[in-house]
C-alpha cells in the first residue's frame, strides 16, 4: 500500500528516484527570507561592528515555539552544518536532537516525510535553522569568500540563568550570528572600541560602560557581530589598502570587532534560550 502510494506521488511530480535504493534528497539553496545581502554590505563599513538582519521574524518565531516554548529545560548543543553538501539533513538532525518530531518512531511517517521533502514541503523548524546556517555562511568575506562554506551552530537552553556581571570580550572568530529566543539578550557596544575603551570595559564590567553606548539585543532579533578575525578589503587590488589594514590588525586585533558580553541575570527572567552561529573557517582556536 505504502509502496503504491510512493510510486503514484513520484509519478505525479515526475521524480525519477529508483525505489530499489534508499531515498536521498539533495536540499537546494533556499530562497532566503532575511536580507543577508544588506547585512554583508553594512558589515564592510569599517565603522560598523554589528548589524541586525531584517526579514527573519517568521523563522525566528518558529524556533522560539519549538526550542524555547516546547524544548528542553537545559541543553548545550554544538554541531557543524555542511551548507553546500547536506544543509537540510544536518539541520534536521540538529532539530531532532533538540526536540523530536511527531512520527519519528513510525516507519510509514518517515517515508511520507521523505516524499514531503521531495515536494518542497519542509519542516518549518528545520527550514528556519537552514535559513540561519545558509545566511551566515553567505556573510563570509575577504579571503573566506567562496571558500568557507560550513558553519558551527550552538543552541543553549537554560532554565536558571543566573550570570553575575559577565566580562566584556570580543569573539575569536570572523563573525558570529546570534539570536535570543527567550530571556535577556546579549549586551553589546554599538560602535568599535579603542584599546583604552576596551580595557576600561574589561576592568570595570558593567560599571565601565559609557552612558548610552551599550545596547541589548531584543528577543527574536538576529544580530551579526564582527569578531577579531573579520576580513574584508575594500579594494583587493590595492596593496596599500591591504597592507595598512594588516598593520592595524597586527597592533590591535579587535580594531573592528564588536565588544559584548552575556547579560547579567535578572530576577524573574530565569529562562534563557539562544542560538549562535560561527563560520567554520578552518581555525580551531575559536570560542564557539
C-alpha atoms as a PDB file:
ATOM      1  CA  UNK A   1       0.000   0.000   0.000  1.00  0.00           C
ATOM      2  CA  UNK A   2       2.715   2.461   1.010  1.00  0.00           C
ATOM      3  CA  UNK A   3       4.872   1.455  -1.984  1.00  0.00           C
ATOM      4  CA  UNK A   4       1.982   2.101  -4.384  1.00  0.00           C
ATOM      5  CA  UNK A   5       1.384   5.485  -2.786  1.00  0.00           C
ATOM      6  CA  UNK A   6       5.046   6.389  -3.244  1.00  0.00           C
ATOM      7  CA  UNK A   7       5.005   5.327  -6.898  1.00  0.00           C
ATOM      8  CA  UNK A   8       1.873   7.396  -7.536  1.00  0.00           C
ATOM      9  CA  UNK A   9       3.280  10.531  -5.916  1.00  0.00           C
ATOM     10  CA  UNK A  10       6.634  10.232  -7.646  1.00  0.00           C
ATOM     11  CA  UNK A  11       4.856   9.825 -10.994  1.00  0.00           C
ATOM     12  CA  UNK A  12       2.658  12.874 -10.415  1.00  0.00           C
ATOM     13  CA  UNK A  13       5.635  15.053  -9.526  1.00  0.00           C
ATOM     14  CA  UNK A  14       7.925  13.417 -12.133  1.00  0.00           C
ATOM     15  CA  UNK A  15      10.565  12.499  -9.579  1.00  0.00           C
ATOM     16  CA  UNK A  16      12.884   9.875 -11.053  1.00  0.00           C
ATOM     17  CA  UNK A  17      14.049   8.105  -7.885  1.00  0.00           C
ATOM     18  CA  UNK A  18      14.666   4.328  -8.064  1.00  0.00           C
ATOM     19  CA  UNK A  19      12.595   2.593  -5.366  1.00  0.00           C
ATOM     20  CA  UNK A  20      15.222  -0.117  -5.001  1.00  0.00           C
ATOM     21  CA  UNK A  21      17.552   2.400  -3.397  1.00  0.00           C
ATOM     22  CA  UNK A  22      17.439   4.396  -0.215  1.00  0.00           C
ATOM     23  CA  UNK A  23      15.884   7.823  -0.683  1.00  0.00           C
ATOM     24  CA  UNK A  24      18.424  10.633  -0.709  1.00  0.00           C
ATOM     25  CA  UNK A  25      17.064  14.131  -1.236  1.00  0.00           C
ATOM     26  CA  UNK A  26      19.556  16.888  -2.018  1.00  0.00           C
ATOM     27  CA  UNK A  27      18.445  20.126  -0.404  1.00  0.00           C
ATOM     28  CA  UNK A  28      18.960  23.002  -2.810  1.00  0.00           C
ATOM     29  CA  UNK A  29      19.768  26.581  -1.807  1.00  0.00           C
ATOM     30  CA  UNK A  30      16.912  28.341  -0.099  1.00  0.00           C
ATOM     31  CA  UNK A  31      15.213  31.481  -1.254  1.00  0.00           C
ATOM     32  CA  UNK A  32      16.416  33.294   1.827  1.00  0.00           C
ATOM     33  CA  UNK A  33      13.911  35.385   3.754  1.00  0.00           C
ATOM     34  CA  UNK A  34      16.463  37.518   5.584  1.00  0.00           C
ATOM     35  CA  UNK A  35      18.180  40.494   3.977  1.00  0.00           C
ATOM     36  CA  UNK A  36      21.637  38.933   4.156  1.00  0.00           C
ATOM     37  CA  UNK A  37      22.922  40.971   1.218  1.00  0.00           C
ATOM     38  CA  UNK A  38      22.325  44.232   3.092  1.00  0.00           C
ATOM     39  CA  UNK A  39      23.902  42.748   6.220  1.00  0.00           C
ATOM     40  CA  UNK A  40      27.058  41.776   4.305  1.00  0.00           C
ATOM     41  CA  UNK A  41      27.248  45.216   2.710  1.00  0.00           C
ATOM     42  CA  UNK A  42      26.832  47.029   6.033  1.00  0.00           C
ATOM     43  CA  UNK A  43      29.450  44.866   7.775  1.00  0.00           C
ATOM     44  CA  UNK A  44      32.011  46.076   5.228  1.00  0.00           C
ATOM     45  CA  UNK A  45      31.800  49.576   6.706  1.00  0.00           C
ATOM     46  CA  UNK A  46      34.972  49.978   8.835  1.00  0.00           C
ATOM     47  CA  UNK A  47      32.960  51.888  11.448  1.00  0.00           C
ATOM     48  CA  UNK A  48      30.292  49.172  11.735  1.00  0.00           C
ATOM     49  CA  UNK A  49      30.819  46.321  14.192  1.00  0.00           C
ATOM     50  CA  UNK A  50      27.299  44.852  14.432  1.00  0.00           C
ATOM     51  CA  UNK A  51      24.216  44.582  12.213  1.00  0.00           C
ATOM     52  CA  UNK A  52      20.644  43.386  12.657  1.00  0.00           C
ATOM     53  CA  UNK A  53      19.366  41.099   9.871  1.00  0.00           C
ATOM     54  CA  UNK A  54      15.875  42.060   8.752  1.00  0.00           C
ATOM     55  CA  UNK A  55      13.138  39.778   7.407  1.00  0.00           C
ATOM     56  CA  UNK A  56      13.676  36.907   9.849  1.00  0.00           C
ATOM     57  CA  UNK A  57      10.545  37.234  12.014  1.00  0.00           C
ATOM     58  CA  UNK A  58       8.682  34.175  10.741  1.00  0.00           C
ATOM     59  CA  UNK A  59      11.647  31.811  11.063  1.00  0.00           C
ATOM     60  CA  UNK A  60      12.642  33.112  14.482  1.00  0.00           C
ATOM     61  CA  UNK A  61       9.108  32.733  15.850  1.00  0.00           C
ATOM     62  CA  UNK A  62       9.138  29.105  14.678  1.00  0.00           C
ATOM     63  CA  UNK A  63      12.425  28.472  16.507  1.00  0.00           C
ATOM     64  CA  UNK A  64      11.070  30.197  19.602  1.00  0.00           C
ATOM     65  CA  UNK A  65       7.982  27.966  19.605  1.00  0.00           C
ATOM     66  CA  UNK A  66       9.948  24.739  19.236  1.00  0.00           C
ATOM     67  CA  UNK A  67      13.107  25.429  21.256  1.00  0.00           C
ATOM     68  CA  UNK A  68      12.064  27.984  23.893  1.00  0.00           C
ATOM     69  CA  UNK A  69       8.386  27.162  24.458  1.00  0.00           C
ATOM     70  CA  UNK A  70       8.451  23.399  23.896  1.00  0.00           C
ATOM     71  CA  UNK A  71      12.133  22.463  24.022  1.00  0.00           C
ATOM     72  CA  UNK A  72      14.264  21.021  26.838  1.00  0.00           C
ATOM     73  CA  UNK A  73      14.755  22.914  30.083  1.00  0.00           C
ATOM     74  CA  UNK A  74      18.537  22.693  29.853  1.00  0.00           C
ATOM     75  CA  UNK A  75      20.736  21.971  26.852  1.00  0.00           C
ATOM     76  CA  UNK A  76      24.067  22.967  25.331  1.00  0.00           C
ATOM     77  CA  UNK A  77      24.240  21.519  21.806  1.00  0.00           C
ATOM     78  CA  UNK A  78      27.021  22.214  19.318  1.00  0.00           C
ATOM     79  CA  UNK A  79      27.144  20.913  15.754  1.00  0.00           C
ATOM     80  CA  UNK A  80      28.577  21.555  12.311  1.00  0.00           C
ATOM     81  CA  UNK A  81      26.381  22.256   9.307  1.00  0.00           C
ATOM     82  CA  UNK A  82      27.743  21.470   5.835  1.00  0.00           C
ATOM     83  CA  UNK A  83      25.874  24.173   3.943  1.00  0.00           C
ATOM     84  CA  UNK A  84      26.740  23.111   0.388  1.00  0.00           C
ATOM     85  CA  UNK A  85      26.517  19.334   0.709  1.00  0.00           C
ATOM     86  CA  UNK A  86      23.990  18.441   3.423  1.00  0.00           C
ATOM     87  CA  UNK A  87      22.274  21.589   4.671  1.00  0.00           C
ATOM     88  CA  UNK A  88      18.793  20.170   5.222  1.00  0.00           C
ATOM     89  CA  UNK A  89      19.971  16.817   6.575  1.00  0.00           C
ATOM     90  CA  UNK A  90      22.322  18.452   9.110  1.00  0.00           C
ATOM     91  CA  UNK A  91      19.678  20.924  10.258  1.00  0.00           C
ATOM     92  CA  UNK A  92      17.090  18.158  10.539  1.00  0.00           C
ATOM     93  CA  UNK A  93      19.480  16.170  12.731  1.00  0.00           C
ATOM     94  CA  UNK A  94      20.033  19.198  14.967  1.00  0.00           C
ATOM     95  CA  UNK A  95      16.300  19.871  15.184  1.00  0.00           C
ATOM     96  CA  UNK A  96      15.630  16.265  16.235  1.00  0.00           C
ATOM     97  CA  UNK A  97      18.416  16.431  18.815  1.00  0.00           C
ATOM     98  CA  UNK A  98      16.679  19.377  20.472  1.00  0.00           C
ATOM     99  CA  UNK A  99      13.058  18.253  20.132  1.00  0.00           C
ATOM    100  CA  UNK A 100      11.724  15.156  18.384  1.00  0.00           C
ATOM    101  CA  UNK A 101       9.286  15.433  15.507  1.00  0.00           C
ATOM    102  CA  UNK A 102       5.923  13.697  15.644  1.00  0.00           C
ATOM    103  CA  UNK A 103       6.067  10.276  13.975  1.00  0.00           C
ATOM    104  CA  UNK A 104       9.854   9.876  14.359  1.00  0.00           C
ATOM    105  CA  UNK A 105       9.292   6.289  15.505  1.00  0.00           C
ATOM    106  CA  UNK A 106       6.833   5.403  12.762  1.00  0.00           C
ATOM    107  CA  UNK A 107       8.346   3.955   9.548  1.00  0.00           C
ATOM    108  CA  UNK A 108       5.381   4.984   7.414  1.00  0.00           C
ATOM    109  CA  UNK A 109       5.547   8.535   8.741  1.00  0.00           C
ATOM    110  CA  UNK A 110       9.271   8.643   7.916  1.00  0.00           C
ATOM    111  CA  UNK A 111       8.624   7.521   4.331  1.00  0.00           C
ATOM    112  CA  UNK A 112       5.846  10.096   3.989  1.00  0.00           C
ATOM    113  CA  UNK A 113       8.194  12.773   5.345  1.00  0.00           C
ATOM    114  CA  UNK A 114      10.778  11.908   2.675  1.00  0.00           C
ATOM    115  CA  UNK A 115       8.158  12.291  -0.064  1.00  0.00           C
ATOM    116  CA  UNK A 116       7.019  15.561   1.508  1.00  0.00           C
ATOM    117  CA  UNK A 117      10.576  16.915   1.412  1.00  0.00           C
ATOM    118  CA  UNK A 118      10.923  15.930  -2.244  1.00  0.00           C
ATOM    119  CA  UNK A 119       7.820  18.031  -2.923  1.00  0.00           C
ATOM    120  CA  UNK A 120       9.425  21.043  -1.185  1.00  0.00           C
ATOM    121  CA  UNK A 121       7.220  20.822   1.931  1.00  0.00           C
ATOM    122  CA  UNK A 122       9.794  21.171   4.657  1.00  0.00           C
ATOM    123  CA  UNK A 123       9.534  21.022   8.412  1.00  0.00           C
ATOM    124  CA  UNK A 124       9.302  24.729   9.428  1.00  0.00           C
ATOM    125  CA  UNK A 125      11.768  24.346  12.304  1.00  0.00           C
ATOM    126  CA  UNK A 126      14.377  22.649  10.127  1.00  0.00           C
ATOM    127  CA  UNK A 127      13.830  25.246   7.409  1.00  0.00           C
ATOM    128  CA  UNK A 128      14.396  28.030   9.953  1.00  0.00           C
ATOM    129  CA  UNK A 129      17.721  26.501  11.017  1.00  0.00           C
ATOM    130  CA  UNK A 130      18.709  26.098   7.369  1.00  0.00           C
ATOM    131  CA  UNK A 131      17.928  29.788   6.742  1.00  0.00           C
ATOM    132  CA  UNK A 132      20.252  30.827   9.569  1.00  0.00           C
ATOM    133  CA  UNK A 133      23.039  28.469   8.513  1.00  0.00           C
ATOM    134  CA  UNK A 134      22.965  29.419   4.829  1.00  0.00           C
ATOM    135  CA  UNK A 135      22.557  33.108   5.648  1.00  0.00           C
ATOM    136  CA  UNK A 136      25.535  33.234   7.993  1.00  0.00           C
ATOM    137  CA  UNK A 137      27.658  31.247   5.513  1.00  0.00           C
ATOM    138  CA  UNK A 138      26.825  33.863   2.857  1.00  0.00           C
ATOM    139  CA  UNK A 139      28.456  36.550   5.033  1.00  0.00           C
ATOM    140  CA  UNK A 140      31.935  35.053   4.601  1.00  0.00           C
ATOM    141  CA  UNK A 141      34.040  37.814   3.074  1.00  0.00           C
ATOM    142  CA  UNK A 142      37.579  38.743   2.124  1.00  0.00           C
ATOM    143  CA  UNK A 143      39.835  35.685   1.986  1.00  0.00           C
ATOM    144  CA  UNK A 144      36.958  33.471   3.190  1.00  0.00           C
ATOM    145  CA  UNK A 145      34.503  34.487   0.455  1.00  0.00           C
ATOM    146  CA  UNK A 146      33.691  31.420  -1.653  1.00  0.00           C
ATOM    147  CA  UNK A 147      35.981  29.266   0.499  1.00  0.00           C
ATOM    148  CA  UNK A 148      34.233  28.987   3.861  1.00  0.00           C
ATOM    149  CA  UNK A 149      31.034  27.026   3.263  1.00  0.00           C
ATOM    150  CA  UNK A 150      30.246  25.440   6.649  1.00  0.00           C
ATOM    151  CA  UNK A 151      29.036  26.890   9.928  1.00  0.00           C
ATOM    152  CA  UNK A 152      29.099  25.845  13.560  1.00  0.00           C
ATOM    153  CA  UNK A 153      25.793  26.172  15.362  1.00  0.00           C
ATOM    154  CA  UNK A 154      25.227  26.279  19.107  1.00  0.00           C
ATOM    155  CA  UNK A 155      21.863  26.034  20.868  1.00  0.00           C
ATOM    156  CA  UNK A 156      21.706  26.782  24.587  1.00  0.00           C
ATOM    157  CA  UNK A 157      18.619  26.325  26.752  1.00  0.00           C
ATOM    158  CA  UNK A 158      18.920  27.397  30.390  1.00  0.00           C
ATOM    159  CA  UNK A 159      16.170  27.024  32.987  1.00  0.00           C
ATOM    160  CA  UNK A 160      18.020  29.039  35.644  1.00  0.00           C
ATOM    161  CA  UNK A 161      20.188  31.687  34.011  1.00  0.00           C
ATOM    162  CA  UNK A 162      21.986  33.472  36.855  1.00  0.00           C
ATOM    163  CA  UNK A 163      25.093  35.105  35.370  1.00  0.00           C
ATOM    164  CA  UNK A 164      26.559  37.848  37.574  1.00  0.00           C
ATOM    165  CA  UNK A 165      28.331  40.735  35.834  1.00  0.00           C
ATOM    166  CA  UNK A 166      29.936  38.756  32.944  1.00  0.00           C
ATOM    167  CA  UNK A 167      33.088  40.165  31.364  1.00  0.00           C
ATOM    168  CA  UNK A 168      33.069  42.141  28.116  1.00  0.00           C
ATOM    169  CA  UNK A 169      35.007  40.488  25.293  1.00  0.00           C
ATOM    170  CA  UNK A 170      35.275  40.022  21.531  1.00  0.00           C
ATOM    171  CA  UNK A 171      34.926  36.731  19.669  1.00  0.00           C
ATOM    172  CA  UNK A 172      37.962  34.909  18.297  1.00  0.00           C
ATOM    173  CA  UNK A 173      36.154  34.341  15.005  1.00  0.00           C
ATOM    174  CA  UNK A 174      35.456  36.250  11.768  1.00  0.00           C
ATOM    175  CA  UNK A 175      31.880  36.934  12.858  1.00  0.00           C
ATOM    176  CA  UNK A 176      29.070  35.497  14.965  1.00  0.00           C
ATOM    177  CA  UNK A 177      25.346  35.390  14.290  1.00  0.00           C
ATOM    178  CA  UNK A 178      23.181  35.363  17.381  1.00  0.00           C
ATOM    179  CA  UNK A 179      19.541  35.399  18.452  1.00  0.00           C
ATOM    180  CA  UNK A 180      17.835  35.306  21.844  1.00  0.00           C
ATOM    181  CA  UNK A 181      14.700  33.178  21.605  1.00  0.00           C
ATOM    182  CA  UNK A 182      13.745  33.705  25.238  1.00  0.00           C
ATOM    183  CA  UNK A 183      15.118  35.828  28.064  1.00  0.00           C
ATOM    184  CA  UNK A 184      17.570  38.705  28.317  1.00  0.00           C
ATOM    185  CA  UNK A 185      19.723  39.411  25.273  1.00  0.00           C
ATOM    186  CA  UNK A 186      23.428  39.972  24.769  1.00  0.00           C
ATOM    187  CA  UNK A 187      24.731  43.427  25.692  1.00  0.00           C
ATOM    188  CA  UNK A 188      26.972  44.988  23.053  1.00  0.00           C
ATOM    189  CA  UNK A 189      28.720  48.209  22.177  1.00  0.00           C
ATOM    190  CA  UNK A 190      27.170  49.858  19.136  1.00  0.00           C
ATOM    191  CA  UNK A 191      30.500  51.265  17.933  1.00  0.00           C
ATOM    192  CA  UNK A 192      34.024  49.926  17.667  1.00  0.00           C
ATOM    193  CA  UNK A 193      36.186  50.420  20.761  1.00  0.00           C
ATOM    194  CA  UNK A 194      39.708  51.753  21.132  1.00  0.00           C
ATOM    195  CA  UNK A 195      42.229  49.730  23.174  1.00  0.00           C
ATOM    196  CA  UNK A 196      41.742  52.090  26.130  1.00  0.00           C
ATOM    197  CA  UNK A 197      37.946  51.797  25.970  1.00  0.00           C
ATOM    198  CA  UNK A 198      38.205  48.031  25.738  1.00  0.00           C
ATOM    199  CA  UNK A 199      40.485  47.745  28.768  1.00  0.00           C
ATOM    200  CA  UNK A 200      38.176  50.048  30.737  1.00  0.00           C
ATOM    201  CA  UNK A 201      35.207  47.789  29.935  1.00  0.00           C
ATOM    202  CA  UNK A 202      37.170  44.691  30.875  1.00  0.00           C
ATOM    203  CA  UNK A 203      38.281  46.180  34.162  1.00  0.00           C
ATOM    204  CA  UNK A 204      35.036  47.849  35.135  1.00  0.00           C
ATOM    205  CA  UNK A 205      32.451  45.322  33.921  1.00  0.00           C
ATOM    206  CA  UNK A 206      29.051  46.988  33.658  1.00  0.00           C
ATOM    207  CA  UNK A 207      30.407  49.986  35.567  1.00  0.00           C
ATOM    208  CA  UNK A 208      32.882  50.762  32.783  1.00  0.00           C
ATOM    209  CA  UNK A 209      30.249  51.312  30.102  1.00  0.00           C
ATOM    210  CA  UNK A 210      29.871  54.908  28.844  1.00  0.00           C
ATOM    211  CA  UNK A 211      26.298  56.146  29.197  1.00  0.00           C
ATOM    212  CA  UNK A 212      24.127  55.435  26.153  1.00  0.00           C
ATOM    213  CA  UNK A 213      26.749  53.449  24.256  1.00  0.00           C
ATOM    214  CA  UNK A 214      25.564  49.914  25.050  1.00  0.00           C
ATOM    215  CA  UNK A 215      22.579  48.128  23.528  1.00  0.00           C
ATOM    216  CA  UNK A 216      20.749  44.934  24.464  1.00  0.00           C
ATOM    217  CA  UNK A 217      19.718  42.502  21.756  1.00  0.00           C
ATOM    218  CA  UNK A 218      15.945  42.095  21.764  1.00  0.00           C
ATOM    219  CA  UNK A 219      14.116  38.785  21.785  1.00  0.00           C
ATOM    220  CA  UNK A 220      13.825  37.456  18.223  1.00  0.00           C
ATOM    221  CA  UNK A 221      16.363  39.954  16.863  1.00  0.00           C
ATOM    222  CA  UNK A 222      19.075  38.276  14.807  1.00  0.00           C
ATOM    223  CA  UNK A 223      22.321  40.211  15.079  1.00  0.00           C
ATOM    224  CA  UNK A 224      25.714  39.594  13.489  1.00  0.00           C
ATOM    225  CA  UNK A 225      28.791  40.798  15.353  1.00  0.00           C
ATOM    226  CA  UNK A 226      32.230  41.165  13.840  1.00  0.00           C
ATOM    227  CA  UNK A 227      34.953  39.167  15.575  1.00  0.00           C
ATOM    228  CA  UNK A 228      38.724  39.514  15.847  1.00  0.00           C
ATOM    229  CA  UNK A 229      39.244  37.757  12.504  1.00  0.00           C
ATOM    230  CA  UNK A 230      36.709  39.598  10.344  1.00  0.00           C
ATOM    231  CA  UNK A 231      38.267  40.013   6.915  1.00  0.00           C
ATOM    232  CA  UNK A 232      37.312  42.401   4.135  1.00  0.00           C
ATOM    233  CA  UNK A 233      39.412  44.660   1.954  1.00  0.00           C
ATOM    234  CA  UNK A 234      37.524  47.492   0.302  1.00  0.00           C
ATOM    235  CA  UNK A 235      39.830  47.355  -2.706  1.00  0.00           C
ATOM    236  CA  UNK A 236      41.525  43.967  -3.010  1.00  0.00           C
ATOM    237  CA  UNK A 237      43.617  45.258  -5.935  1.00  0.00           C
ATOM    238  CA  UNK A 238      45.195  47.917  -3.723  1.00  0.00           C
ATOM    239  CA  UNK A 239      48.299  46.659  -1.937  1.00  0.00           C
ATOM    240  CA  UNK A 240      48.342  49.812   0.195  1.00  0.00           C
ATOM    241  CA  UNK A 241      44.776  49.225   1.419  1.00  0.00           C
ATOM    242  CA  UNK A 242      45.571  45.622   2.259  1.00  0.00           C
ATOM    243  CA  UNK A 243      48.880  46.345   3.954  1.00  0.00           C
ATOM    244  CA  UNK A 244      47.524  49.222   6.053  1.00  0.00           C
ATOM    245  CA  UNK A 245      44.616  47.078   7.194  1.00  0.00           C
ATOM    246  CA  UNK A 246      47.008  44.259   8.110  1.00  0.00           C
ATOM    247  CA  UNK A 247      49.247  46.679  10.040  1.00  0.00           C
ATOM    248  CA  UNK A 248      46.344  47.970  12.147  1.00  0.00           C
ATOM    249  CA  UNK A 249      45.237  44.410  12.932  1.00  0.00           C
ATOM    250  CA  UNK A 250      48.754  43.407  13.944  1.00  0.00           C
ATOM    251  CA  UNK A 251      48.845  46.006  16.693  1.00  0.00           C
ATOM    252  CA  UNK A 252      45.126  45.848  17.607  1.00  0.00           C
ATOM    253  CA  UNK A 253      43.316  42.647  16.594  1.00  0.00           C
ATOM    254  CA  UNK A 254      39.998  43.983  17.878  1.00  0.00           C
ATOM    255  CA  UNK A 255      40.079  47.036  15.614  1.00  0.00           C
ATOM    256  CA  UNK A 256      36.704  46.237  14.031  1.00  0.00           C
ATOM    257  CA  UNK A 257      35.301  43.660  16.464  1.00  0.00           C
ATOM    258  CA  UNK A 258      32.092  44.084  18.443  1.00  0.00           C
ATOM    259  CA  UNK A 259      32.718  44.264  22.185  1.00  0.00           C
ATOM    260  CA  UNK A 260      29.911  42.475  24.008  1.00  0.00           C
ATOM    261  CA  UNK A 261      29.015  40.216  26.899  1.00  0.00           C
ATOM    262  CA  UNK A 262      26.384  37.790  28.094  1.00  0.00           C
ATOM    263  CA  UNK A 263      23.802  39.766  30.074  1.00  0.00           C
ATOM    264  CA  UNK A 264      23.628  39.721  33.862  1.00  0.00           C
ATOM    265  CA  UNK A 265      20.810  37.518  35.122  1.00  0.00           C
ATOM    266  CA  UNK A 266      17.551  39.237  36.037  1.00  0.00           C
ATOM    267  CA  UNK A 267      15.184  38.204  38.808  1.00  0.00           C
ATOM    268  CA  UNK A 268      12.033  36.656  37.379  1.00  0.00           C
ATOM    269  CA  UNK A 269      13.658  36.002  33.971  1.00  0.00           C
ATOM    270  CA  UNK A 270      15.443  32.724  34.641  1.00  0.00           C
ATOM    271  CA  UNK A 271      14.624  31.100  31.299  1.00  0.00           C
ATOM    272  CA  UNK A 272      17.129  31.897  28.546  1.00  0.00           C
ATOM    273  CA  UNK A 273      17.380  30.252  25.129  1.00  0.00           C
ATOM    274  CA  UNK A 274      19.870  31.365  22.474  1.00  0.00           C
ATOM    275  CA  UNK A 275      21.115  30.223  19.081  1.00  0.00           C
ATOM    276  CA  UNK A 276      24.530  31.303  17.783  1.00  0.00           C
ATOM    277  CA  UNK A 277      26.384  30.542  14.555  1.00  0.00           C
ATOM    278  CA  UNK A 278      30.055  30.879  13.610  1.00  0.00           C
ATOM    279  CA  UNK A 279      31.814  30.425  10.288  1.00  0.00           C
ATOM    280  CA  UNK A 280      33.776  27.170  10.133  1.00  0.00           C
ATOM    281  CA  UNK A 281      36.859  28.929   8.814  1.00  0.00           C
ATOM    282  CA  UNK A 282      39.420  26.197   9.462  1.00  0.00           C
ATOM    283  CA  UNK A 283      40.982  27.688  12.619  1.00  0.00           C
ATOM    284  CA  UNK A 284      40.385  25.556  15.698  1.00  0.00           C
ATOM    285  CA  UNK A 285      41.201  28.384  18.143  1.00  0.00           C
ATOM    286  CA  UNK A 286      37.651  29.637  18.323  1.00  0.00           C
ATOM    287  CA  UNK A 287      35.214  30.462  21.120  1.00  0.00           C
ATOM    288  CA  UNK A 288      32.121  28.857  19.634  1.00  0.00           C
END
